[in-house]
């Protein structure tokens, strides 16, 4: 669970975009535009004195398909039991971390994103139930020279481990989501300002089709280069 002891709204600190591509009308209008969408209030059943909080849903703007029109990505967090938006957090005076994780798992949650672009399918980001939604959603700018912005995200895991994953996705010309790269991060330290490029992001574009990224492998931080295959 990312930054387990901190209130979820702290997510705004980490949601800063870093990219080096040329500016466009879409860039100037919406790059780095991240907002929090308020969800339903806390529901507290009297029978067990346990509170279920819907939490917030992230929203991110950018030009995803390179048409110079601002698009919006929305977070969705649903229960497979109901197919509807569901609670992210569980509170109880006598509940420990394991009990909270068990309650979340039992609800069978799925994190998804959907966009304002026509004919783009909703994308499920994880099929593991031990999570509480998207922790980080980031506009990375145009990494693969297709005119559209790429997106980075981190899922908020509910377990004890500090090992997590940062994933980069892109929207293809066929309006399909495609994963470019996924790498390990340390939940408690990777997003500290001193571990980010220019204090902003784990990703930094250095040349066409090329970017640097900071990962966490074998209990150590590493800086690596990734070159996108422009033929695919």
C-alpha atoms as a PDB file:
ATOM      1  CA  UNK A   1       0.000   0.000   0.000  1.00  0.00           C
ATOM      2  CA  UNK A   2       1.643   3.216  -1.188  1.00  0.00           C
ATOM      3  CA  UNK A   3       2.464   5.625   1.622  1.00  0.00           C
ATOM      4  CA  UNK A   4       0.184   3.585   3.861  1.00  0.00           C
ATOM      5  CA  UNK A   5       0.086   6.021   6.721  1.00  0.00           C
ATOM      6  CA  UNK A   6      -0.798   9.074   4.631  1.00  0.00           C
ATOM      7  CA  UNK A   7      -4.148  10.422   3.514  1.00  0.00           C
ATOM      8  CA  UNK A   8      -5.005   9.550  -0.132  1.00  0.00           C
ATOM      9  CA  UNK A   9      -5.127  13.173  -1.261  1.00  0.00           C
ATOM     10  CA  UNK A  10      -1.329  13.262  -0.948  1.00  0.00           C
ATOM     11  CA  UNK A  11      -1.437  11.708  -4.413  1.00  0.00           C
ATOM     12  CA  UNK A  12      -1.415  15.197  -5.880  1.00  0.00           C
ATOM     13  CA  UNK A  13       2.203  15.668  -4.853  1.00  0.00           C
ATOM     14  CA  UNK A  14       3.303  12.857  -7.144  1.00  0.00           C
ATOM     15  CA  UNK A  15       1.121  13.664 -10.123  1.00  0.00           C
ATOM     16  CA  UNK A  16       3.507  15.986 -11.984  1.00  0.00           C
ATOM     17  CA  UNK A  17       4.299  15.350 -15.647  1.00  0.00           C
ATOM     18  CA  UNK A  18       7.794  15.415 -17.113  1.00  0.00           C
ATOM     19  CA  UNK A  19       8.420  15.376 -20.856  1.00  0.00           C
ATOM     20  CA  UNK A  20      10.681  16.935 -23.439  1.00  0.00           C
ATOM     21  CA  UNK A  21       8.591  16.915 -26.604  1.00  0.00           C
ATOM     22  CA  UNK A  22       7.753  19.994 -28.645  1.00  0.00           C
ATOM     23  CA  UNK A  23       4.803  22.054 -27.467  1.00  0.00           C
ATOM     24  CA  UNK A  24       1.477  21.935 -29.285  1.00  0.00           C
ATOM     25  CA  UNK A  25      -1.906  23.570 -28.683  1.00  0.00           C
ATOM     26  CA  UNK A  26      -2.934  20.474 -26.788  1.00  0.00           C
ATOM     27  CA  UNK A  27       0.183  20.656 -24.627  1.00  0.00           C
ATOM     28  CA  UNK A  28      -0.298  24.253 -23.614  1.00  0.00           C
ATOM     29  CA  UNK A  29      -3.954  23.726 -22.826  1.00  0.00           C
ATOM     30  CA  UNK A  30      -3.869  20.611 -20.708  1.00  0.00           C
ATOM     31  CA  UNK A  31      -0.470  19.052 -20.082  1.00  0.00           C
ATOM     32  CA  UNK A  32       0.017  18.385 -16.366  1.00  0.00           C
ATOM     33  CA  UNK A  33      -3.710  18.870 -15.772  1.00  0.00           C
ATOM     34  CA  UNK A  34      -4.610  16.428 -13.013  1.00  0.00           C
ATOM     35  CA  UNK A  35      -7.648  16.656 -10.824  1.00  0.00           C
ATOM     36  CA  UNK A  36      -9.353  14.640  -8.133  1.00  0.00           C
ATOM     37  CA  UNK A  37     -12.968  13.641  -8.676  1.00  0.00           C
ATOM     38  CA  UNK A  38     -14.943  13.467  -5.445  1.00  0.00           C
ATOM     39  CA  UNK A  39     -16.765  10.189  -4.878  1.00  0.00           C
ATOM     40  CA  UNK A  40     -19.662   9.215  -2.624  1.00  0.00           C
ATOM     41  CA  UNK A  41     -19.482   9.869   1.135  1.00  0.00           C
ATOM     42  CA  UNK A  42     -18.586   7.404   3.856  1.00  0.00           C
ATOM     43  CA  UNK A  43     -21.167   4.735   4.636  1.00  0.00           C
ATOM     44  CA  UNK A  44     -21.106   3.418   8.201  1.00  0.00           C
ATOM     45  CA  UNK A  45     -23.342   0.399   8.919  1.00  0.00           C
ATOM     46  CA  UNK A  46     -24.411   0.494  12.554  1.00  0.00           C
ATOM     47  CA  UNK A  47     -24.382  -3.277  12.847  1.00  0.00           C
ATOM     48  CA  UNK A  48     -20.599  -3.651  12.750  1.00  0.00           C
ATOM     49  CA  UNK A  49     -19.269  -0.096  13.292  1.00  0.00           C
ATOM     50  CA  UNK A  50     -17.079  -0.420  10.199  1.00  0.00           C
ATOM     51  CA  UNK A  51     -16.771   2.496   7.788  1.00  0.00           C
ATOM     52  CA  UNK A  52     -16.549   1.998   4.037  1.00  0.00           C
ATOM     53  CA  UNK A  53     -15.199   5.023   2.177  1.00  0.00           C
ATOM     54  CA  UNK A  54     -15.577   5.344  -1.580  1.00  0.00           C
ATOM     55  CA  UNK A  55     -12.442   7.470  -1.828  1.00  0.00           C
ATOM     56  CA  UNK A  56     -11.655   9.652  -4.842  1.00  0.00           C
ATOM     57  CA  UNK A  57     -11.217   8.945  -8.542  1.00  0.00           C
ATOM     58  CA  UNK A  58      -8.393  10.482 -10.564  1.00  0.00           C
ATOM     59  CA  UNK A  59      -8.861  12.404 -13.796  1.00  0.00           C
ATOM     60  CA  UNK A  60      -6.075  13.308 -16.249  1.00  0.00           C
ATOM     61  CA  UNK A  61      -6.085  15.497 -19.368  1.00  0.00           C
ATOM     62  CA  UNK A  62      -3.872  15.253 -22.445  1.00  0.00           C
ATOM     63  CA  UNK A  63      -3.830  14.700 -26.193  1.00  0.00           C
ATOM     64  CA  UNK A  64      -3.869  10.907 -26.252  1.00  0.00           C
ATOM     65  CA  UNK A  65      -4.411  10.337 -29.973  1.00  0.00           C
ATOM     66  CA  UNK A  66      -2.445  13.218 -31.465  1.00  0.00           C
ATOM     67  CA  UNK A  67      -5.400  15.072 -32.989  1.00  0.00           C
ATOM     68  CA  UNK A  68      -4.614  18.305 -31.084  1.00  0.00           C
ATOM     69  CA  UNK A  69      -7.863  17.953 -29.132  1.00  0.00           C
ATOM     70  CA  UNK A  70      -7.710  17.605 -25.371  1.00  0.00           C
ATOM     71  CA  UNK A  71      -8.866  14.197 -24.132  1.00  0.00           C
ATOM     72  CA  UNK A  72      -9.635  13.108 -20.589  1.00  0.00           C
ATOM     73  CA  UNK A  73      -8.848   9.855 -18.784  1.00  0.00           C
ATOM     74  CA  UNK A  74     -11.033   8.850 -15.846  1.00  0.00           C
ATOM     75  CA  UNK A  75     -10.301   6.317 -13.137  1.00  0.00           C
ATOM     76  CA  UNK A  76     -12.932   3.686 -12.404  1.00  0.00           C
ATOM     77  CA  UNK A  77     -12.806   1.387  -9.360  1.00  0.00           C
ATOM     78  CA  UNK A  78     -15.552  -1.220  -9.366  1.00  0.00           C
ATOM     79  CA  UNK A  79     -16.473  -4.415  -7.557  1.00  0.00           C
ATOM     80  CA  UNK A  80     -16.716  -7.554  -9.678  1.00  0.00           C
ATOM     81  CA  UNK A  81     -19.603  -8.561  -7.429  1.00  0.00           C
ATOM     82  CA  UNK A  82     -21.817  -5.652  -8.460  1.00  0.00           C
ATOM     83  CA  UNK A  83     -20.173  -4.171 -11.558  1.00  0.00           C
ATOM     84  CA  UNK A  84     -20.495  -0.756  -9.924  1.00  0.00           C
ATOM     85  CA  UNK A  85     -18.175   1.817  -8.389  1.00  0.00           C
ATOM     86  CA  UNK A  86     -17.213   0.650  -4.919  1.00  0.00           C
ATOM     87  CA  UNK A  87     -15.405   1.611  -1.721  1.00  0.00           C
ATOM     88  CA  UNK A  88     -11.610   1.948  -1.635  1.00  0.00           C
ATOM     89  CA  UNK A  89     -11.050   2.139   2.110  1.00  0.00           C
ATOM     90  CA  UNK A  90     -12.282   0.268   5.157  1.00  0.00           C
ATOM     91  CA  UNK A  91     -11.999   1.569   8.715  1.00  0.00           C
ATOM     92  CA  UNK A  92     -12.801  -0.045  12.037  1.00  0.00           C
ATOM     93  CA  UNK A  93     -11.644   0.513  15.598  1.00  0.00           C
ATOM     94  CA  UNK A  94     -10.613  -3.117  15.959  1.00  0.00           C
ATOM     95  CA  UNK A  95      -9.353  -3.740  12.426  1.00  0.00           C
ATOM     96  CA  UNK A  96      -5.662  -4.271  11.707  1.00  0.00           C
ATOM     97  CA  UNK A  97      -3.931  -4.098   8.317  1.00  0.00           C
ATOM     98  CA  UNK A  98      -4.576  -7.768   7.563  1.00  0.00           C
ATOM     99  CA  UNK A  99      -8.289  -7.421   8.287  1.00  0.00           C
ATOM    100  CA  UNK A 100      -8.535  -4.365   6.056  1.00  0.00           C
ATOM    101  CA  UNK A 101      -6.735  -6.177   3.241  1.00  0.00           C
ATOM    102  CA  UNK A 102      -9.063  -9.157   3.643  1.00  0.00           C
ATOM    103  CA  UNK A 103     -12.124  -6.905   3.384  1.00  0.00           C
ATOM    104  CA  UNK A 104     -10.785  -5.267   0.226  1.00  0.00           C
ATOM    105  CA  UNK A 105      -9.934  -8.618  -1.377  1.00  0.00           C
ATOM    106  CA  UNK A 106     -13.381  -9.988  -0.570  1.00  0.00           C
ATOM    107  CA  UNK A 107     -14.934  -7.118  -2.511  1.00  0.00           C
ATOM    108  CA  UNK A 108     -13.096  -8.223  -5.699  1.00  0.00           C
ATOM    109  CA  UNK A 109     -12.171  -4.729  -6.933  1.00  0.00           C
ATOM    110  CA  UNK A 110     -10.936  -3.898 -10.433  1.00  0.00           C
ATOM    111  CA  UNK A 111      -9.155  -0.679 -11.422  1.00  0.00           C
ATOM    112  CA  UNK A 112      -9.932   0.631 -14.890  1.00  0.00           C
ATOM    113  CA  UNK A 113      -9.539   3.738 -17.018  1.00  0.00           C
ATOM    114  CA  UNK A 114     -11.820   5.101 -19.704  1.00  0.00           C
ATOM    115  CA  UNK A 115     -11.573   8.148 -21.952  1.00  0.00           C
ATOM    116  CA  UNK A 116     -13.640  10.744 -23.765  1.00  0.00           C
ATOM    117  CA  UNK A 117     -12.402   9.401 -27.118  1.00  0.00           C
ATOM    118  CA  UNK A 118     -15.016   7.544 -29.150  1.00  0.00           C
ATOM    119  CA  UNK A 119     -14.476   3.823 -29.806  1.00  0.00           C
ATOM    120  CA  UNK A 120     -11.713   3.426 -27.206  1.00  0.00           C
ATOM    121  CA  UNK A 121     -12.377   0.498 -24.892  1.00  0.00           C
ATOM    122  CA  UNK A 122     -12.272   0.749 -21.117  1.00  0.00           C
ATOM    123  CA  UNK A 123      -8.921  -0.672 -19.989  1.00  0.00           C
ATOM    124  CA  UNK A 124      -8.579  -2.889 -16.910  1.00  0.00           C
ATOM    125  CA  UNK A 125      -5.258  -2.079 -15.240  1.00  0.00           C
ATOM    126  CA  UNK A 126      -5.036  -4.980 -12.804  1.00  0.00           C
ATOM    127  CA  UNK A 127      -6.756  -8.300 -12.122  1.00  0.00           C
ATOM    128  CA  UNK A 128      -5.396  -8.536  -8.577  1.00  0.00           C
ATOM    129  CA  UNK A 129      -7.972  -7.753  -5.903  1.00  0.00           C
ATOM    130  CA  UNK A 130      -5.518  -6.569  -3.219  1.00  0.00           C
ATOM    131  CA  UNK A 131      -5.424  -2.903  -4.266  1.00  0.00           C
ATOM    132  CA  UNK A 132      -7.249   0.351  -3.613  1.00  0.00           C
ATOM    133  CA  UNK A 133      -7.265   1.970  -7.026  1.00  0.00           C
ATOM    134  CA  UNK A 134      -4.783   4.105  -8.929  1.00  0.00           C
ATOM    135  CA  UNK A 135      -2.227   5.926  -6.808  1.00  0.00           C
ATOM    136  CA  UNK A 136      -0.442   7.793  -9.587  1.00  0.00           C
ATOM    137  CA  UNK A 137      -1.631   8.843 -13.051  1.00  0.00           C
ATOM    138  CA  UNK A 138       0.857  10.866 -15.071  1.00  0.00           C
ATOM    139  CA  UNK A 139       0.998  12.544 -18.486  1.00  0.00           C
ATOM    140  CA  UNK A 140       4.454  11.716 -19.892  1.00  0.00           C
ATOM    141  CA  UNK A 141       4.155  13.645 -23.139  1.00  0.00           C
ATOM    142  CA  UNK A 142       4.899  12.170 -26.556  1.00  0.00           C
ATOM    143  CA  UNK A 143       7.552   9.499 -26.010  1.00  0.00           C
ATOM    144  CA  UNK A 144       7.079   7.516 -29.226  1.00  0.00           C
ATOM    145  CA  UNK A 145       6.795  10.374 -31.754  1.00  0.00           C
ATOM    146  CA  UNK A 146       3.214   9.553 -32.778  1.00  0.00           C
ATOM    147  CA  UNK A 147       1.826  12.942 -31.771  1.00  0.00           C
ATOM    148  CA  UNK A 148      -0.066  11.668 -28.738  1.00  0.00           C
ATOM    149  CA  UNK A 149       0.804  11.705 -25.052  1.00  0.00           C
ATOM    150  CA  UNK A 150       1.821   8.537 -23.235  1.00  0.00           C
ATOM    151  CA  UNK A 151       0.500   7.750 -19.765  1.00  0.00           C
ATOM    152  CA  UNK A 152       2.261   6.397 -16.673  1.00  0.00           C
ATOM    153  CA  UNK A 153       0.444   4.892 -13.713  1.00  0.00           C
ATOM    154  CA  UNK A 154       1.000   3.107 -10.408  1.00  0.00           C
ATOM    155  CA  UNK A 155      -1.596   0.955  -8.648  1.00  0.00           C
ATOM    156  CA  UNK A 156      -2.097   1.453  -4.908  1.00  0.00           C
ATOM    157  CA  UNK A 157      -1.428  -2.018  -3.506  1.00  0.00           C
ATOM    158  CA  UNK A 158      -3.043  -3.049  -0.239  1.00  0.00           C
ATOM    159  CA  UNK A 159      -0.360  -5.507   0.905  1.00  0.00           C
ATOM    160  CA  UNK A 160       2.708  -5.123   3.111  1.00  0.00           C
ATOM    161  CA  UNK A 161       5.382  -5.187   0.403  1.00  0.00           C
ATOM    162  CA  UNK A 162       7.136  -1.978  -0.656  1.00  0.00           C
ATOM    163  CA  UNK A 163       7.787  -3.391  -4.141  1.00  0.00           C
ATOM    164  CA  UNK A 164       5.434  -2.045  -6.783  1.00  0.00           C
ATOM    165  CA  UNK A 165       5.329  -1.420 -10.527  1.00  0.00           C
ATOM    166  CA  UNK A 166       5.249   1.662 -12.754  1.00  0.00           C
ATOM    167  CA  UNK A 167       3.590   1.048 -16.124  1.00  0.00           C
ATOM    168  CA  UNK A 168       3.695   3.150 -19.302  1.00  0.00           C
ATOM    169  CA  UNK A 169       0.885   2.812 -21.845  1.00  0.00           C
ATOM    170  CA  UNK A 170       0.076   4.414 -25.187  1.00  0.00           C
ATOM    171  CA  UNK A 171      -2.984   4.665 -27.399  1.00  0.00           C
ATOM    172  CA  UNK A 172      -2.274   3.325 -30.890  1.00  0.00           C
ATOM    173  CA  UNK A 173      -3.570   4.738 -34.163  1.00  0.00           C
ATOM    174  CA  UNK A 174      -6.085   1.862 -34.107  1.00  0.00           C
ATOM    175  CA  UNK A 175      -7.469   3.252 -30.813  1.00  0.00           C
ATOM    176  CA  UNK A 176      -6.095   0.300 -28.835  1.00  0.00           C
ATOM    177  CA  UNK A 177      -4.191   0.518 -25.560  1.00  0.00           C
ATOM    178  CA  UNK A 178      -0.641  -0.834 -25.662  1.00  0.00           C
ATOM    179  CA  UNK A 179       1.892  -1.300 -22.881  1.00  0.00           C
ATOM    180  CA  UNK A 180       5.318   0.158 -23.655  1.00  0.00           C
ATOM    181  CA  UNK A 181       7.171  -0.674 -20.452  1.00  0.00           C
ATOM    182  CA  UNK A 182       6.701  -1.769 -16.843  1.00  0.00           C
ATOM    183  CA  UNK A 183       9.413  -1.602 -14.181  1.00  0.00           C
ATOM    184  CA  UNK A 184       9.765  -2.023 -10.441  1.00  0.00           C
ATOM    185  CA  UNK A 185       9.692   0.850  -7.990  1.00  0.00           C
ATOM    186  CA  UNK A 186      10.035   1.176  -4.222  1.00  0.00           C
ATOM    187  CA  UNK A 187       6.776   2.510  -2.807  1.00  0.00           C
ATOM    188  CA  UNK A 188       8.283   4.432   0.076  1.00  0.00           C
ATOM    189  CA  UNK A 189      11.290   5.945  -1.708  1.00  0.00           C
ATOM    190  CA  UNK A 190      11.020   5.956  -5.528  1.00  0.00           C
ATOM    191  CA  UNK A 191       8.677   8.936  -5.584  1.00  0.00           C
ATOM    192  CA  UNK A 192      10.752  11.027  -3.201  1.00  0.00           C
ATOM    193  CA  UNK A 193      11.763  14.230  -4.972  1.00  0.00           C
ATOM    194  CA  UNK A 194      15.485  13.425  -4.850  1.00  0.00           C
ATOM    195  CA  UNK A 195      14.858  10.158  -6.736  1.00  0.00           C
ATOM    196  CA  UNK A 196      12.970  11.809  -9.611  1.00  0.00           C
ATOM    197  CA  UNK A 197      14.316  13.406 -12.776  1.00  0.00           C
ATOM    198  CA  UNK A 198      14.373  17.149 -12.128  1.00  0.00           C
ATOM    199  CA  UNK A 199      12.390  16.388  -8.987  1.00  0.00           C
ATOM    200  CA  UNK A 200       9.324  15.655 -11.124  1.00  0.00           C
ATOM    201  CA  UNK A 201       9.073  12.199 -12.692  1.00  0.00           C
ATOM    202  CA  UNK A 202      10.622   8.736 -12.948  1.00  0.00           C
ATOM    203  CA  UNK A 203      10.649   9.239 -16.734  1.00  0.00           C
ATOM    204  CA  UNK A 204      12.685  11.684 -18.829  1.00  0.00           C
ATOM    205  CA  UNK A 205      12.701  11.821 -22.607  1.00  0.00           C
ATOM    206  CA  UNK A 206      16.255  12.242 -23.919  1.00  0.00           C
ATOM    207  CA  UNK A 207      15.853  11.810 -27.698  1.00  0.00           C
ATOM    208  CA  UNK A 208      13.237  10.754 -30.254  1.00  0.00           C
ATOM    209  CA  UNK A 209      11.874   7.323 -29.237  1.00  0.00           C
ATOM    210  CA  UNK A 210      14.237   7.288 -26.247  1.00  0.00           C
ATOM    211  CA  UNK A 211      13.792   7.977 -22.555  1.00  0.00           C
ATOM    212  CA  UNK A 212      15.532   7.358 -19.259  1.00  0.00           C
ATOM    213  CA  UNK A 213      13.734   5.802 -16.306  1.00  0.00           C
ATOM    214  CA  UNK A 214      14.564   5.103 -12.678  1.00  0.00           C
ATOM    215  CA  UNK A 215      13.746   1.630 -11.422  1.00  0.00           C
ATOM    216  CA  UNK A 216      14.301  -0.354  -8.243  1.00  0.00           C
ATOM    217  CA  UNK A 217      15.959  -3.752  -8.719  1.00  0.00           C
ATOM    218  CA  UNK A 218      17.820  -6.056  -6.333  1.00  0.00           C
ATOM    219  CA  UNK A 219      17.331  -3.631  -3.427  1.00  0.00           C
ATOM    220  CA  UNK A 220      18.976  -0.749  -5.310  1.00  0.00           C
ATOM    221  CA  UNK A 221      17.940   2.189  -7.485  1.00  0.00           C
ATOM    222  CA  UNK A 222      19.057   2.087 -11.118  1.00  0.00           C
ATOM    223  CA  UNK A 223      18.826   4.530 -14.014  1.00  0.00           C
ATOM    224  CA  UNK A 224      18.221   2.859 -17.363  1.00  0.00           C
ATOM    225  CA  UNK A 225      17.561   3.774 -20.995  1.00  0.00           C
ATOM    226  CA  UNK A 226      14.623   2.495 -23.022  1.00  0.00           C
ATOM    227  CA  UNK A 227      14.378   2.792 -26.809  1.00  0.00           C
ATOM    228  CA  UNK A 228      10.918   2.399 -28.319  1.00  0.00           C
ATOM    229  CA  UNK A 229      10.719   0.219 -31.429  1.00  0.00           C
ATOM    230  CA  UNK A 230       9.282   2.618 -34.003  1.00  0.00           C
ATOM    231  CA  UNK A 231       8.471  -0.232 -36.414  1.00  0.00           C
ATOM    232  CA  UNK A 232       5.766  -1.694 -34.178  1.00  0.00           C
END
